[in-house]
């Protein structure tokens, strides 16, 4: 599945179906810049998972506030619209792939 981009208006529809990982990030965040290519690379390998990027600086404050995003990068995992887990900080591809495996088993 192709990497998608969410905002406050379309967020709920983006996480509604299946397993969805949402990367909350900002262009000024160094760790976010390092994690972005990893998130994108894993999205190309995990075809049955939805990967969504949410830039917190584009006037999209409601959704990060709703989920208590205080540090970025933060990745939230949803299954059929329900928040299952959240992880904050830089992850390598192996860690992200292992987490996805665990999420699929839930």
Protein backbone atom coordinates (compact mmCIF):
# COMPACT_ATOMS: atom_id res chain seq x y z
CA UNK A 1 0.00 0.00 0.00
CA UNK A 2 1.24 3.47 -0.79
CA UNK A 3 2.26 5.83 1.97
CA UNK A 4 -0.59 8.26 2.69
CA UNK A 5 -0.76 11.67 4.36
CA UNK A 6 -3.36 12.60 6.96
CA UNK A 7 -4.60 15.80 8.55
CA UNK A 8 -7.18 16.68 11.19
CA UNK A 9 -10.02 16.43 8.67
CA UNK A 10 -9.29 13.00 7.19
CA UNK A 11 -7.55 11.26 10.11
CA UNK A 12 -10.47 9.12 11.31
CA UNK A 13 -11.17 7.77 7.83
CA UNK A 14 -7.48 6.93 7.34
CA UNK A 15 -7.29 4.66 10.42
CA UNK A 16 -10.73 3.07 10.13
CA UNK A 17 -9.88 -0.19 8.33
CA UNK A 18 -7.26 -2.82 9.07
CA UNK A 19 -3.88 -2.27 10.71
CA UNK A 20 -2.67 1.31 10.33
CA UNK A 21 0.55 2.90 11.57
CA UNK A 22 0.59 6.69 11.83
CA UNK A 23 3.90 8.53 12.02
CA UNK A 24 3.51 11.91 13.76
CA UNK A 25 6.42 14.07 12.63
CA UNK A 26 7.65 17.59 11.81
CA UNK A 27 10.02 18.91 9.17
CA UNK A 28 12.26 20.58 11.80
CA UNK A 29 12.69 17.35 13.81
CA UNK A 30 16.06 15.63 13.21
CA UNK A 31 15.02 12.17 14.45
CA UNK A 32 11.85 12.48 12.33
CA UNK A 33 13.99 13.11 9.25
CA UNK A 34 16.02 10.00 10.04
CA UNK A 35 12.92 7.86 10.69
CA UNK A 36 10.98 8.97 7.59
CA UNK A 37 12.94 6.84 5.08
CA UNK A 38 12.77 3.83 7.42
CA UNK A 39 8.98 4.19 7.74
CA UNK A 40 8.67 4.50 3.96
CA UNK A 41 10.95 1.52 3.29
CA UNK A 42 9.00 -0.74 5.65
CA UNK A 43 5.72 0.48 4.09
CA UNK A 44 6.91 -0.93 0.75
CA UNK A 45 7.53 -4.35 2.32
CA UNK A 46 4.39 -4.62 4.48
CA UNK A 47 1.73 -4.46 1.77
CA UNK A 48 -1.16 -5.45 4.06
CA UNK A 49 -0.56 -2.57 6.52
CA UNK A 50 -1.62 1.07 6.02
CA UNK A 51 1.17 3.60 6.60
CA UNK A 52 0.17 7.19 7.25
CA UNK A 53 2.28 10.31 7.84
CA UNK A 54 0.84 13.15 9.94
CA UNK A 55 2.78 16.43 9.93
CA UNK A 56 2.03 18.24 13.17
CA UNK A 57 3.13 21.68 11.90
CA UNK A 58 0.60 22.25 9.15
CA UNK A 59 -2.17 23.61 11.37
CA UNK A 60 -3.07 20.08 12.40
CA UNK A 61 -3.15 20.43 16.17
CA UNK A 62 -6.42 18.71 17.09
CA UNK A 63 -5.37 15.11 16.36
CA UNK A 64 -1.96 15.20 18.10
CA UNK A 65 -3.63 16.79 21.14
CA UNK A 66 -6.36 14.14 21.15
CA UNK A 67 -3.73 11.38 21.38
CA UNK A 68 -1.38 13.21 23.74
CA UNK A 69 1.52 13.49 21.30
CA UNK A 70 4.24 15.29 23.25
CA UNK A 71 7.39 13.94 21.53
CA UNK A 72 8.12 13.13 17.94
CA UNK A 73 8.56 10.97 16.09
CA UNK A 74 5.64 9.08 17.61
CA UNK A 75 4.02 6.13 15.85
CA UNK A 76 0.50 5.11 16.80
CA UNK A 77 -0.88 1.71 15.80
CA UNK A 78 -4.59 1.37 15.07
CA UNK A 79 -6.65 -1.72 14.28
CA UNK A 80 -9.99 -0.95 12.68
CA UNK A 81 -9.98 2.54 14.15
CA UNK A 82 -9.03 1.52 17.69
CA UNK A 83 -5.72 2.68 19.13
CA UNK A 84 -3.71 -0.40 20.12
CA UNK A 85 -0.22 0.90 20.96
CA UNK A 86 2.05 3.90 20.66
CA UNK A 87 5.82 4.16 20.46
CA UNK A 88 7.92 7.28 20.64
CA UNK A 89 11.39 7.82 19.28
CA UNK A 90 13.53 6.64 16.44
CA UNK A 91 13.17 2.97 15.43
CA UNK A 92 15.28 1.03 12.98
CA UNK A 93 13.66 -1.10 10.27
CA UNK A 94 14.13 -4.33 12.21
CA UNK A 95 12.42 -2.93 15.31
CA UNK A 96 9.54 -1.50 13.28
CA UNK A 97 9.09 -4.77 11.36
CA UNK A 98 9.09 -6.80 14.59
CA UNK A 99 6.51 -4.46 16.13
CA UNK A 100 4.27 -4.89 13.09
CA UNK A 101 4.55 -8.67 13.46
CA UNK A 102 3.45 -8.36 17.10
CA UNK A 103 0.56 -6.08 16.15
CA UNK A 104 -0.68 -8.50 13.50
CA UNK A 105 -0.75 -11.28 16.13
CA UNK A 106 -3.00 -9.24 18.46
